[in-house]
Every structure is written in C-alpha cells, then in structure tokens.
C-alpha cells in the first residue's frame, strides 16, 4: 500500500486513529509487562536470598549434636 504523503499515511483513509491507538496500547502493555516481570523477578531473587541467609543463620546458631555412634575402620581380608 503506497501513500502520497506522510499525513495520508497517518490518517490511513480514516482508519489511522484506530490503527495507531492499537499500536500505542500494544507497546504500553508490553512495557508494563516488562516492568512488572522485572519487579517480580527481583522480588523472587530477594526472597530466595533472605531464605538462604535465614537458613544459614539457623545452622550457625544450633550446636552440633553429639554423635551417638562411633565408627571404627575394620580391615577385611579376602584370603
């Protein structure tokens, strides 16, 4: 489809406002989705980091339990 001028291209024989508003809605939604996804990703990574730090802190605070069993090496000969 060829247009005689830029203004004819923008108007598109009366369909321009619909076409350009659809493009604008598409790009605004895509930008919004990207921002939302990046924020959710950052929040998920932060939650995992906090969980790992919490677990590491709990392990450091707990004393190692005394072992109930003792193990000795047994030499096995196959004669």
PDB file of N, CA and C in Angstrom:
ATOM      1  N   UNK A   1       0.858  -1.156   0.000  1.00  0.00           N
ATOM      2  CA  UNK A   1       0.000   0.000   0.000  1.00  0.00           C
ATOM      3  C   UNK A   1       0.911   1.228   0.000  1.00  0.00           C
ATOM      4  N   UNK A   2       0.725   2.094  -0.950  1.00  0.00           N
ATOM      5  CA  UNK A   2       1.536   3.310  -1.067  1.00  0.00           C
ATOM      6  C   UNK A   2       0.685   4.522  -0.691  1.00  0.00           C
ATOM      7  N   UNK A   3       1.312   5.469   0.000  1.00  0.00           N
ATOM      8  CA  UNK A   3       0.629   6.692   0.409  1.00  0.00           C
ATOM      9  C   UNK A   3       1.299   7.864  -0.288  1.00  0.00           C
ATOM     10  N   UNK A   4       0.504   8.877  -0.593  1.00  0.00           N
ATOM     11  CA  UNK A   4       1.020  10.054  -1.285  1.00  0.00           C
ATOM     12  C   UNK A   4       1.840  10.951  -0.368  1.00  0.00           C
ATOM     13  N   UNK A   5       1.511  10.989   0.898  1.00  0.00           N
ATOM     14  CA  UNK A   5       2.231  11.855   1.830  1.00  0.00           C
ATOM     15  C   UNK A   5       2.225  11.209   3.219  1.00  0.00           C
ATOM     16  N   UNK A   6       3.001  11.832   4.107  1.00  0.00           N
ATOM     17  CA  UNK A   6       3.066  11.329   5.470  1.00  0.00           C
ATOM     18  C   UNK A   6       1.733  11.489   6.186  1.00  0.00           C
ATOM     19  N   UNK A   7       1.039  12.582   5.927  1.00  0.00           N
ATOM     20  CA  UNK A   7      -0.265  12.790   6.573  1.00  0.00           C
ATOM     21  C   UNK A   7      -1.280  11.754   6.081  1.00  0.00           C
ATOM     22  N   UNK A   8      -1.197  11.371   4.810  1.00  0.00           N
ATOM     23  CA  UNK A   8      -2.071  10.311   4.303  1.00  0.00           C
ATOM     24  C   UNK A   8      -1.745   8.981   4.987  1.00  0.00           C
ATOM     25  N   UNK A   9      -0.464   8.769   5.258  1.00  0.00           N
ATOM     26  CA  UNK A   9      -0.047   7.563   5.966  1.00  0.00           C
ATOM     27  C   UNK A   9      -0.608   7.551   7.393  1.00  0.00           C
ATOM     28  N   UNK A  10      -0.564   8.697   8.070  1.00  0.00           N
ATOM     29  CA  UNK A  10      -1.064   8.783   9.439  1.00  0.00           C
ATOM     30  C   UNK A  10      -2.579   8.609   9.497  1.00  0.00           C
ATOM     31  N   UNK A  11      -3.299   9.139   8.514  1.00  0.00           N
ATOM     32  CA  UNK A  11      -4.760   9.057   8.510  1.00  0.00           C
ATOM     33  C   UNK A  11      -5.244   7.691   8.038  1.00  0.00           C
ATOM     34  N   UNK A  12      -4.551   7.088   7.081  1.00  0.00           N
ATOM     35  CA  UNK A  12      -4.880   5.764   6.529  1.00  0.00           C
ATOM     36  C   UNK A  12      -6.345   5.666   6.115  1.00  0.00           C
ATOM     37  N   UNK A  13      -6.767   6.621   5.372  1.00  0.00           N
ATOM     38  CA  UNK A  13      -8.133   6.663   4.830  1.00  0.00           C
ATOM     39  C   UNK A  13      -9.193   6.511   5.920  1.00  0.00           C
ATOM     40  N   UNK A  14      -8.953   7.157   7.065  1.00  0.00           N
ATOM     41  CA  UNK A  14      -9.924   7.145   8.146  1.00  0.00           C
ATOM     42  C   UNK A  14      -9.685   6.091   9.196  1.00  0.00           C
ATOM     43  N   UNK A  15      -8.789   5.150   8.919  1.00  0.00           N
ATOM     44  CA  UNK A  15      -8.526   4.062   9.875  1.00  0.00           C
ATOM     45  C   UNK A  15      -7.332   4.371  10.779  1.00  0.00           C
ATOM     46  N   UNK A  16      -6.659   5.466  10.566  1.00  0.00           N
ATOM     47  CA  UNK A  16      -5.452   5.823  11.311  1.00  0.00           C
ATOM     48  C   UNK A  16      -5.621   5.870  12.823  1.00  0.00           C
ATOM     49  N   UNK A  17      -6.643   6.570  13.323  1.00  0.00           N
ATOM     50  CA  UNK A  17      -6.777   6.625  14.789  1.00  0.00           C
ATOM     51  C   UNK A  17      -6.919   5.237  15.433  1.00  0.00           C
ATOM     52  N   UNK A  18      -7.646   4.359  14.798  1.00  0.00           N
ATOM     53  CA  UNK A  18      -7.810   3.005  15.329  1.00  0.00           C
ATOM     54  C   UNK A  18      -6.477   2.252  15.285  1.00  0.00           C
ATOM     55  N   UNK A  19      -5.790   2.317  14.153  1.00  0.00           N
ATOM     56  CA  UNK A  19      -4.533   1.589  13.979  1.00  0.00           C
ATOM     57  C   UNK A  19      -3.484   2.088  14.961  1.00  0.00           C
ATOM     58  N   UNK A  20      -3.317   3.409  15.043  1.00  0.00           N
ATOM     59  CA  UNK A  20      -2.267   3.955  15.906  1.00  0.00           C
ATOM     60  C   UNK A  20      -2.604   3.793  17.386  1.00  0.00           C
ATOM     61  N   UNK A  21      -3.878   3.823  17.735  1.00  0.00           N
ATOM     62  CA  UNK A  21      -4.229   3.577  19.139  1.00  0.00           C
ATOM     63  C   UNK A  21      -3.975   2.111  19.509  1.00  0.00           C
ATOM     64  N   UNK A  22      -4.184   1.207  18.568  1.00  0.00           N
ATOM     65  CA  UNK A  22      -3.876  -0.208  18.834  1.00  0.00           C
ATOM     66  C   UNK A  22      -2.372  -0.412  19.018  1.00  0.00           C
ATOM     67  N   UNK A  23      -1.569   0.217  18.169  1.00  0.00           N
ATOM     68  CA  UNK A  23      -0.118   0.144  18.330  1.00  0.00           C
ATOM     69  C   UNK A  23       0.302   0.722  19.683  1.00  0.00           C
ATOM     70  N   UNK A  24      -0.261   1.861  20.049  1.00  0.00           N
ATOM     71  CA  UNK A  24       0.085   2.502  21.321  1.00  0.00           C
ATOM     72  C   UNK A  24      -0.300   1.602  22.493  1.00  0.00           C
ATOM     73  N   UNK A  25      -1.489   1.010  22.450  1.00  0.00           N
ATOM     74  CA  UNK A  25      -1.921   0.116  23.528  1.00  0.00           C
ATOM     75  C   UNK A  25      -0.992  -1.093  23.623  1.00  0.00           C
ATOM     76  N   UNK A  26      -0.621  -1.650  22.476  1.00  0.00           N
ATOM     77  CA  UNK A  26       0.273  -2.807  22.449  1.00  0.00           C
ATOM     78  C   UNK A  26       1.608  -2.473  23.104  1.00  0.00           C
ATOM     79  N   UNK A  27       2.229  -1.375  22.683  1.00  0.00           N
ATOM     80  CA  UNK A  27       3.537  -1.032  23.225  1.00  0.00           C
ATOM     81  C   UNK A  27       3.468  -0.650  24.702  1.00  0.00           C
ATOM     82  N   UNK A  28       2.418   0.025  25.117  1.00  0.00           N
ATOM     83  CA  UNK A  28       2.271   0.353  26.537  1.00  0.00           C
ATOM     84  C   UNK A  28       2.095  -0.914  27.377  1.00  0.00           C
ATOM     85  N   UNK A  29       1.312  -1.845  26.886  1.00  0.00           N
ATOM     86  CA  UNK A  29       1.134  -3.107  27.610  1.00  0.00           C
ATOM     87  C   UNK A  29       2.425  -3.922  27.659  1.00  0.00           C
ATOM     88  N   UNK A  30       3.179  -3.935  26.565  1.00  0.00           N
ATOM     89  CA  UNK A  30       4.448  -4.665  26.553  1.00  0.00           C
ATOM     90  C   UNK A  30       5.445  -4.047  27.528  1.00  0.00           C
ATOM     91  N   UNK A  31       5.513  -2.741  27.576  1.00  0.00           N
ATOM     92  CA  UNK A  31       6.411  -2.066  28.523  1.00  0.00           C
ATOM     93  C   UNK A  31       5.960  -2.347  29.955  1.00  0.00           C
ATOM     94  N   UNK A  32       4.664  -2.266  30.197  1.00  0.00           N
ATOM     95  CA  UNK A  32       4.143  -2.575  31.527  1.00  0.00           C
ATOM     96  C   UNK A  32       4.443  -4.007  31.939  1.00  0.00           C
ATOM     97  N   UNK A  33       4.301  -4.942  31.022  1.00  0.00           N
ATOM     98  CA  UNK A  33       4.584  -6.344  31.307  1.00  0.00           C
ATOM     99  C   UNK A  33       6.063  -6.557  31.611  1.00  0.00           C
ATOM    100  N   UNK A  34       6.929  -5.877  30.867  1.00  0.00           N
ATOM    101  CA  UNK A  34       8.364  -5.989  31.129  1.00  0.00           C
ATOM    102  C   UNK A  34       8.720  -5.446  32.509  1.00  0.00           C
ATOM    103  N   UNK A  35       8.173  -4.289  32.860  1.00  0.00           N
ATOM    104  CA  UNK A  35       8.448  -3.695  34.173  1.00  0.00           C
ATOM    105  C   UNK A  35       7.925  -4.609  35.272  1.00  0.00           C
ATOM    106  N   UNK A  36       6.706  -5.105  35.129  1.00  0.00           N
ATOM    107  CA  UNK A  36       6.120  -5.993  36.129  1.00  0.00           C
ATOM    108  C   UNK A  36       6.956  -7.274  36.279  1.00  0.00           C
ATOM    109  N   UNK A  37       7.392  -7.850  35.155  1.00  0.00           N
ATOM    110  CA  UNK A  37       8.191  -9.077  35.203  1.00  0.00           C
ATOM    111  C   UNK A  37       9.530  -8.838  35.887  1.00  0.00           C
ATOM    112  N   UNK A  38      10.170  -7.733  35.588  1.00  0.00           N
ATOM    113  CA  UNK A  38      11.454  -7.433  36.219  1.00  0.00           C
ATOM    114  C   UNK A  38      11.303  -7.222  37.720  1.00  0.00           C
ATOM    115  N   UNK A  39      10.231  -6.570  38.129  1.00  0.00           N
ATOM    116  CA  UNK A  39       9.993  -6.371  39.566  1.00  0.00           C
ATOM    117  C   UNK A  39       9.716  -7.700  40.269  1.00  0.00           C
ATOM    118  N   UNK A  40       8.915  -8.554  39.655  1.00  0.00           N
ATOM    119  CA  UNK A  40       8.608  -9.861  40.247  1.00  0.00           C
ATOM    120  C   UNK A  40       9.872 -10.717  40.333  1.00  0.00           C
ATOM    121  N   UNK A  41      10.706 -10.664  39.299  1.00  0.00           N
ATOM    122  CA  UNK A  41      11.962 -11.414  39.300  1.00  0.00           C
ATOM    123  C   UNK A  41      12.860 -10.929  40.435  1.00  0.00           C
ATOM    124  N   UNK A  42      12.982  -9.620  40.580  1.00  0.00           N
ATOM    125  CA  UNK A  42      13.812  -9.054  41.639  1.00  0.00           C
ATOM    126  C   UNK A  42      13.277  -9.454  43.017  1.00  0.00           C
ATOM    127  N   UNK A  43      11.962  -9.432  43.188  1.00  0.00           N
ATOM    128  CA  UNK A  43      11.356  -9.815  44.464  1.00  0.00           C
ATOM    129  C   UNK A  43      11.594 -11.295  44.753  1.00  0.00           C
ATOM    130  N   UNK A  44      11.498 -12.146  43.744  1.00  0.00           N
ATOM    131  CA  UNK A  44      11.714 -13.582  43.943  1.00  0.00           C
ATOM    132  C   UNK A  44      13.163 -13.863  44.315  1.00  0.00           C
ATOM    133  N   UNK A  45      14.092 -13.199  43.656  1.00  0.00           N
ATOM    134  CA  UNK A  45      15.507 -13.389  43.975  1.00  0.00           C
ATOM    135  C   UNK A  45      15.791 -12.910  45.386  1.00  0.00           C
ATOM    136  N   UNK A  46      15.226 -11.779  45.772  1.00  0.00           N
ATOM    137  CA  UNK A  46      15.419 -11.242  47.124  1.00  0.00           C
ATOM    138  C   UNK A  46      14.831 -12.187  48.175  1.00  0.00           C
ATOM    139  N   UNK A  47      13.672 -12.761  47.903  1.00  0.00           N
ATOM    140  CA  UNK A  47      13.056 -13.700  48.845  1.00  0.00           C
ATOM    141  C   UNK A  47      13.925 -14.953  49.005  1.00  0.00           C
ATOM    142  N   UNK A  48      14.473 -15.444  47.921  1.00  0.00           N
ATOM    143  CA  UNK A  48      15.360 -16.608  47.999  1.00  0.00           C
ATOM    144  C   UNK A  48      16.615 -16.271  48.787  1.00  0.00           C
ATOM    145  N   UNK A  49      17.176 -15.101  48.552  1.00  0.00           N
ATOM    146  CA  UNK A  49      18.377 -14.691  49.272  1.00  0.00           C
ATOM    147  C   UNK A  49      18.109 -14.595  50.774  1.00  0.00           C
ATOM    148  N   UNK A  50      16.965 -13.997  51.127  1.00  0.00           N
ATOM    149  CA  UNK A  50      16.611 -13.895  52.550  1.00  0.00           C
ATOM    150  C   UNK A  50      16.417 -15.284  53.162  1.00  0.00           C
ATOM    151  N   UNK A  51      15.792 -16.191  52.410  1.00  0.00           N
ATOM    152  CA  UNK A  51      15.589 -17.554  52.907  1.00  0.00           C
ATOM    153  C   UNK A  51      16.902 -18.274  53.143  1.00  0.00           C
ATOM    154  N   UNK A  52      17.836 -18.125  52.208  1.00  0.00           N
ATOM    155  CA  UNK A  52      19.141 -18.768  52.373  1.00  0.00           C
ATOM    156  C   UNK A  52      19.901 -18.183  53.555  1.00  0.00           C
ATOM    157  N   UNK A  53      19.834 -16.869  53.723  1.00  0.00           N
ATOM    158  CA  UNK A  53      20.502 -16.236  54.860  1.00  0.00           C
ATOM    159  C   UNK A  53      19.870 -16.690  56.173  1.00  0.00           C
ATOM    160  N   UNK A  54      18.555 -16.834  56.198  1.00  0.00           N
ATOM    161  CA  UNK A  54      17.859 -17.286  57.403  1.00  0.00           C
ATOM    162  C   UNK A  54      18.290 -18.708  57.753  1.00  0.00           C
ATOM    163  N   UNK A  55      18.327 -19.587  56.740  1.00  0.00           N
ATOM    164  CA  UNK A  55      18.732 -20.970  56.987  1.00  0.00           C
ATOM    165  C   UNK A  55      20.182 -21.047  57.443  1.00  0.00           C
ATOM    166  N   UNK A  56      21.051 -20.252  56.852  1.00  0.00           N
ATOM    167  CA  UNK A  56      22.465 -20.253  57.249  1.00  0.00           C
ATOM    168  C   UNK A  56      22.607 -19.745  58.679  1.00  0.00           C
ATOM    169  N   UNK A  57      21.823 -18.742  59.052  1.00  0.00           N
ATOM    170  CA  UNK A  57      21.866 -18.226  60.415  1.00  0.00           C
ATOM    171  C   UNK A  57      21.391 -19.241  61.426  1.00  0.00           C
ATOM    172  N   UNK A  58      20.368 -20.008  61.080  1.00  0.00           N
ATOM    173  CA  UNK A  58      19.862 -21.038  62.000  1.00  0.00           C
ATOM    174  C   UNK A  58      20.889 -22.140  62.186  1.00  0.00           C
ATOM    175  N   UNK A  59      21.583 -22.511  61.131  1.00  0.00           N
ATOM    176  CA  UNK A  59      22.570 -23.587  61.234  1.00  0.00           C
ATOM    177  C   UNK A  59      23.750 -23.155  62.091  1.00  0.00           C
ATOM    178  N   UNK A  60      24.125 -21.886  61.987  1.00  0.00           N
ATOM    179  CA  UNK A  60      25.235 -21.387  62.792  1.00  0.00           C
ATOM    180  C   UNK A  60      24.868 -21.331  64.267  1.00  0.00           C
ATOM    181  N   UNK A  61      23.620 -21.048  64.583  1.00  0.00           N
ATOM    182  CA  UNK A  61      23.186 -20.899  65.967  1.00  0.00           C
ATOM    183  C   UNK A  61      23.005 -22.239  66.674  1.00  0.00           C
ATOM    184  N   UNK A  62      22.686 -23.250  65.921  1.00  0.00           N
ATOM    185  CA  UNK A  62      22.451 -24.564  66.527  1.00  0.00           C
ATOM    186  C   UNK A  62      23.794 -25.229  66.826  1.00  0.00           C
ATOM    187  N   UNK A  63      23.912 -25.793  68.003  1.00  0.00           N
ATOM    188  CA  UNK A  63      25.127 -26.526  68.352  1.00  0.00           C
ATOM    189  C   UNK A  63      25.086 -27.886  67.662  1.00  0.00           C
ATOM    190  N   UNK A  64      26.244 -28.346  67.302  1.00  0.00           N
ATOM    191  CA  UNK A  64      26.309 -29.649  66.645  1.00  0.00           C
ATOM    192  C   UNK A  64      25.966 -30.725  67.672  1.00  0.00           C
ATOM    193  N   UNK A  65      25.022 -31.587  67.379  1.00  0.00           N
ATOM    194  CA  UNK A  65      24.660 -32.634  68.334  1.00  0.00           C
ATOM    195  C   UNK A  65      25.801 -33.638  68.499  1.00  0.00           C
ATOM    196  N   UNK A  66      25.934 -34.116  69.724  1.00  0.00           N
ATOM    197  CA  UNK A  66      26.963 -35.127  69.981  1.00  0.00           C
ATOM    198  C   UNK A  66      26.587 -36.394  69.238  1.00  0.00           C
ATOM    199  N   UNK A  67      27.583 -37.008  68.648  1.00  0.00           N
ATOM    200  CA  UNK A  67      27.274 -38.188  67.865  1.00  0.00           C
ATOM    201  C   UNK A  67      27.014 -39.368  68.797  1.00  0.00           C
ATOM    202  N   UNK A  68      25.982 -40.113  68.533  1.00  0.00           N
ATOM    203  CA  UNK A  68      25.564 -41.219  69.381  1.00  0.00           C
ATOM    204  C   UNK A  68      26.327 -42.494  69.045  1.00  0.00           C
ATOM    205  N   UNK A  69      26.873 -42.580  67.884  1.00  0.00           N
ATOM    206  CA  UNK A  69      27.563 -43.795  67.472  1.00  0.00           C
ATOM    207  C   UNK A  69      29.012 -43.458  67.150  1.00  0.00           C
ATOM    208  N   UNK A  70      29.883 -44.418  67.379  1.00  0.00           N
ATOM    209  CA  UNK A  70      31.278 -44.235  66.984  1.00  0.00           C
ATOM    210  C   UNK A  70      31.590 -45.286  65.928  1.00  0.00           C
ATOM    211  N   UNK A  71      32.414 -44.911  65.031  1.00  0.00           N
ATOM    212  CA  UNK A  71      32.728 -45.798  63.923  1.00  0.00           C
ATOM    213  C   UNK A  71      34.224 -46.081  63.930  1.00  0.00           C
ATOM    214  N   UNK A  72      34.576 -47.336  63.759  1.00  0.00           N
ATOM    215  CA  UNK A  72      35.982 -47.714  63.647  1.00  0.00           C
ATOM    216  C   UNK A  72      36.174 -48.445  62.339  1.00  0.00           C
ATOM    217  N   UNK A  73      37.351 -48.254  61.781  1.00  0.00           N
ATOM    218  CA  UNK A  73      37.649 -48.891  60.499  1.00  0.00           C
ATOM    219  C   UNK A  73      37.972 -50.367  60.752  1.00  0.00           C
ATOM    220  N   UNK A  74      37.424 -51.224  59.946  1.00  0.00           N
ATOM    221  CA  UNK A  74      37.635 -52.670  60.064  1.00  0.00           C
ATOM    222  C   UNK A  74      38.396 -53.116  58.831  1.00  0.00           C
ATOM    223  N   UNK A  75      39.478 -53.816  59.061  1.00  0.00           N
ATOM    224  CA  UNK A  75      40.254 -54.325  57.932  1.00  0.00           C
ATOM    225  C   UNK A  75      39.685 -55.687  57.543  1.00  0.00           C
ATOM    226  N   UNK A  76      39.303 -55.810  56.313  1.00  0.00           N
ATOM    227  CA  UNK A  76      38.704 -57.056  55.823  1.00  0.00           C
ATOM    228  C   UNK A  76      39.694 -57.694  54.883  1.00  0.00           C
ATOM    229  N   UNK A  77      40.028 -58.943  55.160  1.00  0.00           N
ATOM    230  CA  UNK A  77      40.930 -59.660  54.257  1.00  0.00           C
ATOM    231  C   UNK A  77      40.127 -60.679  53.467  1.00  0.00           C
ATOM    232  N   UNK A  78      40.501 -60.859  52.252  1.00  0.00           N
ATOM    233  CA  UNK A  78      39.781 -61.795  51.384  1.00  0.00           C
ATOM    234  C   UNK A  78      40.709 -62.949  51.007  1.00  0.00           C
ATOM    235  N   UNK A  79      41.104 -63.751  51.959  1.00  0.00           N
ATOM    236  CA  UNK A  79      42.009 -64.894  51.709  1.00  0.00           C
ATOM    237  C   UNK A  79      41.263 -66.106  51.300  1.00  0.00           C
TER     238      UNK A  79
END
